[in-house]
N, C-alpha and C. Protein backbone atom coordinates (compact mmCIF):
# COMPACT_ATOMS: atom_id res chain seq x y z
N MET A 1 40.37 -84.78 91.52
CA MET A 1 41.11 -85.40 90.70
C MET A 1 40.80 -85.43 89.11
N ASN A 2 40.65 -84.58 88.31
CA ASN A 2 40.42 -85.00 87.18
C ASN A 2 41.58 -84.86 86.07
N THR A 3 41.86 -85.89 85.22
CA THR A 3 42.87 -86.07 84.41
C THR A 3 42.21 -86.64 83.19
N LYS A 4 43.03 -86.22 81.87
CA LYS A 4 42.61 -86.78 80.60
C LYS A 4 42.58 -87.99 80.67
N SER A 5 43.72 -88.64 81.20
CA SER A 5 43.71 -90.15 81.60
C SER A 5 42.83 -90.96 82.58
N LYS A 6 42.30 -90.24 82.93
CA LYS A 6 41.24 -91.12 84.01
C LYS A 6 39.75 -91.97 83.19
N LYS A 7 40.04 -92.93 83.44
CA LYS A 7 39.12 -94.13 82.89
C LYS A 7 37.86 -93.88 83.12
N GLU A 8 36.63 -93.65 82.44
CA GLU A 8 35.28 -93.70 82.82
C GLU A 8 34.76 -95.04 83.52
N SER A 9 33.80 -94.66 84.52
CA SER A 9 33.54 -95.71 85.42
C SER A 9 31.82 -95.73 84.66
N PRO A 10 31.36 -96.89 84.92
CA PRO A 10 30.20 -97.36 84.27
C PRO A 10 28.84 -96.50 84.72
N GLU A 11 29.31 -95.79 85.72
CA GLU A 11 28.32 -95.05 86.00
C GLU A 11 28.15 -93.89 85.19
N ASN A 12 29.32 -93.08 85.21
CA ASN A 12 29.97 -92.05 84.31
C ASN A 12 29.22 -92.08 82.72
N THR A 13 29.48 -93.17 82.10
CA THR A 13 28.97 -93.47 80.85
C THR A 13 27.56 -93.71 80.48
N LYS A 14 27.05 -93.09 79.12
CA LYS A 14 25.89 -92.94 79.09
C LYS A 14 25.91 -93.34 77.77
N SER A 15 24.89 -93.53 77.19
CA SER A 15 24.94 -93.98 75.76
C SER A 15 24.67 -92.88 74.68
N GLU A 16 24.87 -92.62 73.37
CA GLU A 16 24.62 -91.36 73.27
C GLU A 16 23.36 -90.91 72.80
N ASP A 17 22.44 -91.45 72.74
CA ASP A 17 21.06 -91.53 72.54
C ASP A 17 20.83 -90.80 73.94
N SER A 18 21.09 -91.29 74.84
CA SER A 18 20.66 -90.09 76.21
C SER A 18 21.05 -88.97 76.48
N ALA A 19 22.59 -88.97 75.84
CA ALA A 19 23.22 -87.83 76.01
C ALA A 19 22.53 -86.35 74.82
N ALA A 20 22.22 -86.85 73.47
CA ALA A 20 21.47 -86.08 73.21
C ALA A 20 20.18 -85.14 73.50
N LEU A 21 19.54 -85.89 74.87
CA LEU A 21 18.56 -85.06 75.92
C LEU A 21 19.34 -84.50 76.68
N LEU A 22 20.37 -83.92 76.71
CA LEU A 22 20.70 -83.12 77.88
C LEU A 22 20.69 -81.49 77.36
N SER A 23 20.26 -81.13 78.34
CA SER A 23 20.41 -79.47 78.03
C SER A 23 21.13 -78.79 78.73
N GLU A 24 21.27 -77.53 78.69
CA GLU A 24 22.44 -77.19 79.44
C GLU A 24 22.16 -76.95 81.06
N GLN A 25 20.97 -77.10 81.48
CA GLN A 25 20.93 -77.21 82.94
C GLN A 25 21.40 -78.16 83.34
N ASP A 26 20.97 -79.21 82.44
CA ASP A 26 21.73 -80.55 83.06
C ASP A 26 22.93 -80.68 83.13
N LEU A 27 23.73 -80.13 82.12
CA LEU A 27 25.23 -80.04 82.21
C LEU A 27 25.82 -78.98 83.11
N LEU A 28 25.15 -78.26 83.66
CA LEU A 28 25.32 -77.07 84.97
C LEU A 28 25.31 -78.00 85.98
N LYS A 29 24.11 -78.84 86.06
CA LYS A 29 24.16 -79.86 87.57
C LYS A 29 24.93 -80.86 87.49
N MET A 30 25.52 -81.21 86.50
CA MET A 30 26.59 -82.68 86.75
C MET A 30 27.58 -81.68 87.72
N GLY A 31 28.06 -82.77 88.42
CA GLY A 31 29.07 -82.53 89.70
C GLY A 31 30.80 -82.53 88.84
N GLU A 32 31.77 -82.66 89.49
CA GLU A 32 33.12 -82.07 88.83
C GLU A 32 33.46 -83.85 88.41
N ASN A 33 33.05 -84.91 89.03
CA ASN A 33 33.38 -86.39 89.15
C ASN A 33 32.80 -86.70 87.23
N ASP A 34 31.73 -85.87 87.07
CA ASP A 34 31.30 -86.15 85.63
C ASP A 34 31.76 -85.19 84.32
N TYR A 35 33.04 -84.50 84.62
CA TYR A 35 33.58 -83.93 83.46
C TYR A 35 33.98 -84.69 82.65
N MET A 36 33.56 -84.00 81.51
CA MET A 36 33.60 -84.55 80.12
C MET A 36 33.47 -86.09 79.91
N ASN A 37 32.57 -86.49 80.47
CA ASN A 37 32.13 -87.89 80.53
C ASN A 37 31.05 -87.89 79.29
N ALA A 38 30.82 -89.01 78.71
CA ALA A 38 29.77 -89.35 77.04
C ALA A 38 28.89 -88.25 77.15
N ALA A 39 28.19 -88.11 78.27
CA ALA A 39 26.69 -87.27 77.56
C ALA A 39 27.44 -85.77 77.39
N GLN A 40 28.19 -85.56 78.47
CA GLN A 40 29.05 -84.20 77.90
C GLN A 40 29.63 -83.90 76.63
N ARG A 41 30.60 -84.74 76.37
CA ARG A 41 31.14 -84.83 74.94
C ARG A 41 30.39 -84.77 74.00
N ALA A 42 29.07 -85.64 74.05
CA ALA A 42 27.67 -85.97 72.77
C ALA A 42 27.21 -84.46 72.76
N PHE A 43 26.72 -83.77 73.76
CA PHE A 43 26.37 -82.60 73.95
C PHE A 43 27.35 -81.44 73.05
N PHE A 44 28.76 -81.13 73.32
CA PHE A 44 29.21 -80.54 73.08
C PHE A 44 29.47 -80.68 71.31
N LYS A 45 29.60 -82.16 71.24
CA LYS A 45 30.19 -82.31 69.66
C LYS A 45 28.88 -81.77 69.02
N ALA A 46 27.55 -82.27 69.51
CA ALA A 46 26.23 -81.88 68.59
C ALA A 46 26.56 -80.37 68.22
N LYS A 47 26.82 -79.55 69.41
CA LYS A 47 26.72 -78.26 69.35
C LYS A 47 27.69 -77.77 68.28
N LEU A 48 28.58 -78.04 68.52
CA LEU A 48 29.44 -77.76 67.57
C LEU A 48 29.45 -78.45 66.10
N GLN A 49 28.97 -79.30 65.92
CA GLN A 49 28.67 -80.03 64.53
C GLN A 49 27.00 -78.90 63.96
N GLN A 50 26.57 -78.33 64.72
CA GLN A 50 25.16 -77.38 64.48
C GLN A 50 25.78 -76.02 64.22
N ILE A 51 27.14 -75.35 64.82
CA ILE A 51 27.76 -74.50 64.55
C ILE A 51 28.53 -74.57 63.14
N GLU A 52 28.81 -75.65 62.88
CA GLU A 52 29.65 -75.93 61.64
C GLU A 52 28.87 -75.97 60.43
N ARG A 53 27.40 -76.11 60.73
CA ARG A 53 26.74 -76.44 59.70
C ARG A 53 26.29 -75.05 58.91
N ASP A 54 25.91 -74.27 60.07
CA ASP A 54 25.74 -73.05 60.30
C ASP A 54 26.70 -72.02 59.42
N LEU A 55 27.99 -72.29 59.47
CA LEU A 55 28.88 -71.55 59.00
C LEU A 55 29.05 -71.78 57.78
N ILE A 56 28.91 -73.28 57.58
CA ILE A 56 28.85 -73.62 56.17
C ILE A 56 27.85 -73.32 55.32
N LYS A 57 26.73 -73.03 55.80
CA LYS A 57 25.38 -72.68 54.85
C LYS A 57 25.32 -70.83 54.93
N ASN A 58 25.91 -70.13 55.74
CA ASN A 58 26.36 -68.70 55.79
C ASN A 58 27.33 -68.66 54.54
N ALA A 59 28.51 -69.32 54.24
CA ALA A 59 29.30 -69.48 53.40
C ALA A 59 28.71 -69.65 51.72
N GLY A 60 28.38 -70.28 51.90
CA GLY A 60 27.40 -70.76 50.46
C GLY A 60 26.26 -69.68 50.39
N GLU A 61 25.57 -69.09 51.34
CA GLU A 61 24.89 -67.64 51.12
C GLU A 61 25.34 -66.81 50.35
N THR A 62 26.63 -66.39 51.24
CA THR A 62 27.38 -65.11 50.55
C THR A 62 28.08 -65.70 49.05
N THR A 63 28.39 -66.73 48.84
CA THR A 63 28.67 -67.03 47.29
C THR A 63 27.71 -66.93 46.67
N GLU A 64 26.76 -67.12 46.63
CA GLU A 64 25.49 -67.11 46.04
C GLU A 64 25.17 -65.21 45.94
N HIS A 65 25.06 -64.72 47.02
CA HIS A 65 25.13 -63.40 46.79
C HIS A 65 25.95 -62.55 46.07
N LEU A 66 27.43 -62.91 46.61
CA LEU A 66 28.15 -62.27 45.34
C LEU A 66 28.22 -62.65 44.40
N ARG A 67 27.70 -63.32 43.65
CA ARG A 67 27.75 -63.68 42.40
C ARG A 67 26.18 -63.46 41.73
N GLU A 68 25.27 -62.27 42.32
CA GLU A 68 24.66 -61.90 41.86
C GLU A 68 25.04 -60.35 41.85
N THR A 69 25.26 -60.30 40.41
CA THR A 69 25.67 -58.84 39.73
C THR A 69 24.58 -57.87 39.48
N THR A 70 24.52 -56.75 39.99
CA THR A 70 23.52 -55.59 39.99
C THR A 70 24.52 -54.34 39.03
N LEU A 71 23.83 -54.08 38.35
CA LEU A 71 24.53 -52.96 37.53
C LEU A 71 23.66 -51.65 38.05
N VAL A 72 24.63 -50.91 38.78
CA VAL A 72 24.26 -49.33 38.86
C VAL A 72 24.59 -48.62 38.37
N PRO A 73 24.19 -47.54 37.60
CA PRO A 73 24.89 -46.06 37.17
C PRO A 73 25.41 -45.32 37.98
N ASP A 74 24.75 -45.36 39.16
CA ASP A 74 24.92 -44.15 40.16
C ASP A 74 26.51 -44.60 40.85
N PRO A 75 27.56 -43.84 40.50
CA PRO A 75 29.11 -44.25 41.42
C PRO A 75 29.10 -44.55 42.95
N ALA A 76 27.98 -43.33 43.45
CA ALA A 76 27.62 -43.45 45.13
C ALA A 76 27.10 -44.83 45.44
N ASP A 77 26.03 -45.40 44.72
CA ASP A 77 25.30 -46.72 44.65
C ASP A 77 26.48 -47.73 44.55
N ARG A 78 27.09 -47.67 43.37
CA ARG A 78 28.12 -49.08 43.47
C ARG A 78 28.75 -48.63 44.51
N ALA A 79 29.55 -47.82 44.96
CA ALA A 79 30.56 -47.90 46.28
C ALA A 79 30.06 -48.36 47.26
N THR A 80 28.36 -48.12 47.78
CA THR A 80 27.90 -48.93 48.58
C THR A 80 28.08 -50.33 48.33
N ILE A 81 27.46 -50.60 47.20
CA ILE A 81 27.15 -52.19 47.00
C ILE A 81 28.89 -52.72 47.34
N GLU A 82 29.69 -52.27 46.81
CA GLU A 82 31.25 -53.11 47.02
C GLU A 82 31.83 -52.88 48.53
N GLU A 83 31.21 -51.48 49.09
CA GLU A 83 31.62 -51.81 50.50
C GLU A 83 30.98 -52.83 51.27
N GLU A 84 29.43 -52.96 51.01
CA GLU A 84 28.78 -53.90 51.57
C GLU A 84 29.35 -55.55 51.19
N HIS A 85 29.84 -55.79 49.87
CA HIS A 85 30.59 -56.97 49.48
C HIS A 85 31.79 -56.98 50.55
N ALA A 86 32.38 -56.00 50.34
CA ALA A 86 33.89 -56.23 51.67
C ALA A 86 33.38 -56.67 52.81
N LEU A 87 32.45 -55.84 53.54
CA LEU A 87 32.51 -55.97 54.57
C LEU A 87 31.38 -57.64 54.50
N GLU A 88 30.37 -58.23 54.00
CA GLU A 88 30.48 -59.38 53.92
C GLU A 88 31.67 -60.41 53.93
N LEU A 89 32.60 -59.96 53.13
CA LEU A 89 33.64 -60.73 52.44
C LEU A 89 34.65 -60.89 54.09
N ARG A 90 34.89 -59.76 54.73
CA ARG A 90 35.25 -59.73 55.91
C ARG A 90 34.77 -60.76 57.09
N THR A 91 33.59 -60.41 57.35
CA THR A 91 32.47 -61.25 58.37
C THR A 91 32.83 -62.88 57.41
N ARG A 92 33.00 -63.08 56.76
CA ARG A 92 33.35 -64.73 56.28
C ARG A 92 34.35 -65.30 56.63
N ASP A 93 35.53 -64.41 56.38
CA ASP A 93 36.64 -64.84 56.96
C ASP A 93 36.79 -64.68 58.03
N ARG A 94 36.37 -64.02 58.89
CA ARG A 94 36.29 -64.46 60.30
C ARG A 94 35.47 -65.86 60.70
N GLU A 95 34.59 -65.98 59.80
CA GLU A 95 33.75 -67.26 60.20
C GLU A 95 34.53 -68.48 59.17
N ARG A 96 35.34 -68.17 58.57
CA ARG A 96 36.11 -69.25 57.97
C ARG A 96 37.01 -70.00 58.93
N LYS A 97 37.66 -68.82 59.90
CA LYS A 97 38.73 -69.03 61.13
C LYS A 97 38.05 -69.75 62.10
N LEU A 98 36.65 -68.98 62.19
CA LEU A 98 36.27 -70.00 63.20
C LEU A 98 35.96 -71.62 63.07
N LEU A 99 35.26 -71.29 61.44
CA LEU A 99 35.29 -72.94 61.08
C LEU A 99 36.24 -73.82 61.33
N LYS A 100 37.55 -73.45 61.36
CA LYS A 100 38.59 -74.23 61.38
C LYS A 100 38.44 -74.83 63.10
N LYS A 101 38.38 -73.64 63.86
CA LYS A 101 38.62 -74.03 65.24
C LYS A 101 37.16 -74.74 65.89
N VAL A 102 36.20 -74.97 64.82
CA VAL A 102 34.92 -75.57 65.43
C VAL A 102 35.85 -77.13 64.71
N GLN A 103 36.26 -77.12 63.74
CA GLN A 103 36.25 -78.59 63.15
C GLN A 103 37.14 -79.25 64.20
N GLN A 104 38.22 -78.16 64.62
CA GLN A 104 39.30 -78.60 65.79
C GLN A 104 38.93 -79.06 66.77
N SER A 105 38.28 -78.38 66.99
CA SER A 105 37.35 -78.92 68.73
C SER A 105 36.29 -80.23 68.38
N ILE A 106 35.78 -80.43 67.26
CA ILE A 106 35.12 -81.60 66.92
C ILE A 106 36.27 -82.73 66.97
N ALA A 107 37.71 -82.45 66.66
CA ALA A 107 38.35 -83.58 66.25
C ALA A 107 39.28 -84.11 67.73
N SER A 108 39.02 -82.80 68.83
CA SER A 108 39.49 -83.18 69.90
C SER A 108 38.22 -83.88 70.82
N ILE A 109 37.43 -83.67 70.46
CA ILE A 109 36.08 -85.05 71.31
C ILE A 109 36.49 -85.93 70.47
N ASP A 110 36.35 -86.12 69.59
CA ASP A 110 37.08 -87.71 68.92
C ASP A 110 38.29 -88.33 69.66
N THR A 111 39.02 -87.47 69.79
CA THR A 111 40.25 -87.94 70.51
C THR A 111 40.29 -87.93 72.15
N GLY A 112 39.35 -87.14 72.59
CA GLY A 112 39.04 -87.27 74.28
C GLY A 112 40.08 -86.09 74.76
N ASP A 113 40.32 -85.26 73.90
CA ASP A 113 41.08 -84.11 74.80
C ASP A 113 40.37 -82.69 74.67
N TYR A 114 39.20 -82.96 74.18
CA TYR A 114 38.30 -81.55 74.37
C TYR A 114 37.87 -81.15 76.00
N GLY A 115 38.17 -80.40 76.17
CA GLY A 115 37.54 -79.64 77.72
C GLY A 115 38.73 -79.65 78.14
N TRP A 116 40.09 -79.88 77.92
CA TRP A 116 41.10 -79.60 79.23
C TRP A 116 41.93 -78.51 78.14
N CYS A 117 42.55 -77.81 79.33
CA CYS A 117 43.27 -76.70 78.90
C CYS A 117 44.70 -77.57 78.05
N VAL A 118 44.99 -76.81 76.89
CA VAL A 118 46.36 -77.28 76.27
C VAL A 118 47.29 -76.92 76.86
N GLU A 119 47.51 -75.75 77.96
CA GLU A 119 48.44 -75.23 78.59
C GLU A 119 48.96 -75.81 79.99
N THR A 120 47.70 -75.94 80.56
CA THR A 120 47.90 -76.45 81.77
C THR A 120 47.27 -78.12 82.35
N GLY A 121 46.34 -78.54 81.05
CA GLY A 121 45.82 -79.96 81.42
C GLY A 121 44.81 -79.95 82.65
N GLU A 122 44.53 -78.69 82.74
CA GLU A 122 43.38 -78.65 83.90
C GLU A 122 42.21 -78.45 83.21
N PRO A 123 40.90 -79.22 83.67
CA PRO A 123 39.59 -78.59 83.22
C PRO A 123 39.30 -77.26 82.84
N ILE A 124 38.49 -76.85 81.46
CA ILE A 124 38.36 -75.76 81.15
C ILE A 124 36.92 -75.23 81.35
N GLY A 125 36.50 -76.26 82.05
CA GLY A 125 35.41 -75.80 82.63
C GLY A 125 33.84 -76.00 81.41
N VAL A 126 32.43 -76.44 82.13
CA VAL A 126 31.34 -76.58 81.62
C VAL A 126 31.29 -75.15 80.84
N GLN A 127 31.02 -74.30 82.15
CA GLN A 127 30.32 -72.83 81.64
C GLN A 127 30.92 -71.79 80.69
N ARG A 128 32.63 -72.23 80.86
CA ARG A 128 33.42 -71.66 79.54
C ARG A 128 33.26 -72.01 78.28
N LEU A 129 32.97 -73.65 78.55
CA LEU A 129 32.54 -74.10 76.86
C LEU A 129 31.19 -73.89 76.43
N LEU A 130 30.04 -73.86 77.39
CA LEU A 130 28.96 -73.02 76.79
C LEU A 130 28.86 -71.68 76.31
N ALA A 131 29.77 -71.13 76.87
CA ALA A 131 30.09 -69.50 76.46
C ALA A 131 30.66 -69.73 75.23
N ARG A 132 31.85 -70.20 75.22
CA ARG A 132 33.03 -70.52 73.97
C ARG A 132 32.99 -72.06 73.70
N PRO A 133 32.76 -72.77 72.32
CA PRO A 133 32.88 -74.17 72.88
C PRO A 133 33.89 -74.72 71.98
N THR A 134 34.73 -73.59 71.46
CA THR A 134 36.23 -73.54 70.97
C THR A 134 37.04 -73.17 71.73
N ALA A 135 36.99 -72.83 73.47
CA ALA A 135 37.92 -72.74 74.02
C ALA A 135 38.96 -73.70 73.94
N THR A 136 40.40 -73.25 74.45
CA THR A 136 41.02 -74.58 74.48
C THR A 136 41.85 -74.11 75.52
N LEU A 137 41.57 -72.88 76.17
CA LEU A 137 42.59 -72.48 77.26
C LEU A 137 41.50 -72.74 78.39
N SER A 138 41.88 -72.90 79.74
CA SER A 138 40.85 -72.74 80.88
C SER A 138 41.01 -71.20 80.92
N LEU A 139 39.95 -70.44 81.84
CA LEU A 139 39.74 -69.01 82.05
C LEU A 139 41.37 -68.41 82.31
N GLU A 140 42.17 -69.05 83.27
CA GLU A 140 43.04 -68.17 84.53
C GLU A 140 44.22 -68.56 83.16
N ALA A 141 44.03 -69.54 82.36
CA ALA A 141 45.48 -69.61 81.55
C ALA A 141 45.30 -68.49 79.99
N GLN A 142 44.09 -68.16 79.85
CA GLN A 142 43.32 -67.10 78.71
C GLN A 142 43.87 -66.11 79.63
N GLN A 143 43.55 -65.60 80.40
CA GLN A 143 43.77 -64.43 81.28
C GLN A 143 45.54 -63.96 81.55
N ARG A 144 46.04 -65.31 81.61
CA ARG A 144 47.78 -65.14 81.56
C ARG A 144 48.00 -64.64 80.39
N ARG A 145 47.68 -65.35 79.59
CA ARG A 145 48.03 -65.05 77.72
C ARG A 145 47.92 -63.66 77.35
N GLU A 146 46.64 -63.12 78.24
CA GLU A 146 46.34 -61.83 77.59
C GLU A 146 46.85 -60.64 78.06
N LEU A 147 47.07 -61.23 79.23
CA LEU A 147 48.25 -60.06 80.43
C LEU A 147 49.55 -59.88 79.49
N LYS A 148 50.15 -60.99 79.46
CA LYS A 148 51.29 -60.97 78.77
C LYS A 148 51.31 -60.58 77.46
N GLN A 149 50.06 -60.83 76.48
CA GLN A 149 50.30 -59.73 75.29
C GLN A 149 50.16 -58.20 75.56
N LYS A 150 49.45 -57.93 76.43
CA LYS A 150 49.56 -56.50 76.97
C LYS A 150 50.71 -56.11 76.90
N LEU A 151 51.27 -56.64 78.03
CA LEU A 151 52.39 -56.28 78.46
C LEU A 151 53.24 -56.22 77.59
N TYR A 152 53.93 -57.21 76.86
CA TYR A 152 54.65 -57.50 76.10
C TYR A 152 54.40 -57.62 74.48
N GLY A 153 53.08 -57.31 74.12
CA GLY A 153 53.05 -57.06 72.82
C GLY A 153 53.20 -58.45 71.74
N GLU A 154 52.92 -59.38 72.78
CA GLU A 154 53.24 -60.77 71.77
C GLU A 154 52.38 -61.18 71.17
């Protein structure tokens, strides 16, 4: 019986310092009663913050790269450079969207909603969150949503 309103018992609460020492294996070994305890929340918050830093760094590098203007007389070379820039901009646009999801996930950790399916209220699961830290749906809810989209084109 895991619900968002469940109070953490003292044995489920760990300090932020010890939480930083957790590995993925440690998370996977924890039982259902430990789901989204302080240690797990701290692990995922650190993971999401690292993703956020990496995305922001990539965006800065792209800006610098695009500012570098190279004058190339050959039209084919110019077209290649423009295509590379367009590809880089599409990649950054996807990363911008991911950055927004990462920031929303960090905010949901702070509010205590992280790790719980927004549709069903059930646990998303540690394995799914390790694979996709920005997940907001349980695997079953995500599968239902994708099936609905496939059938009805929504």
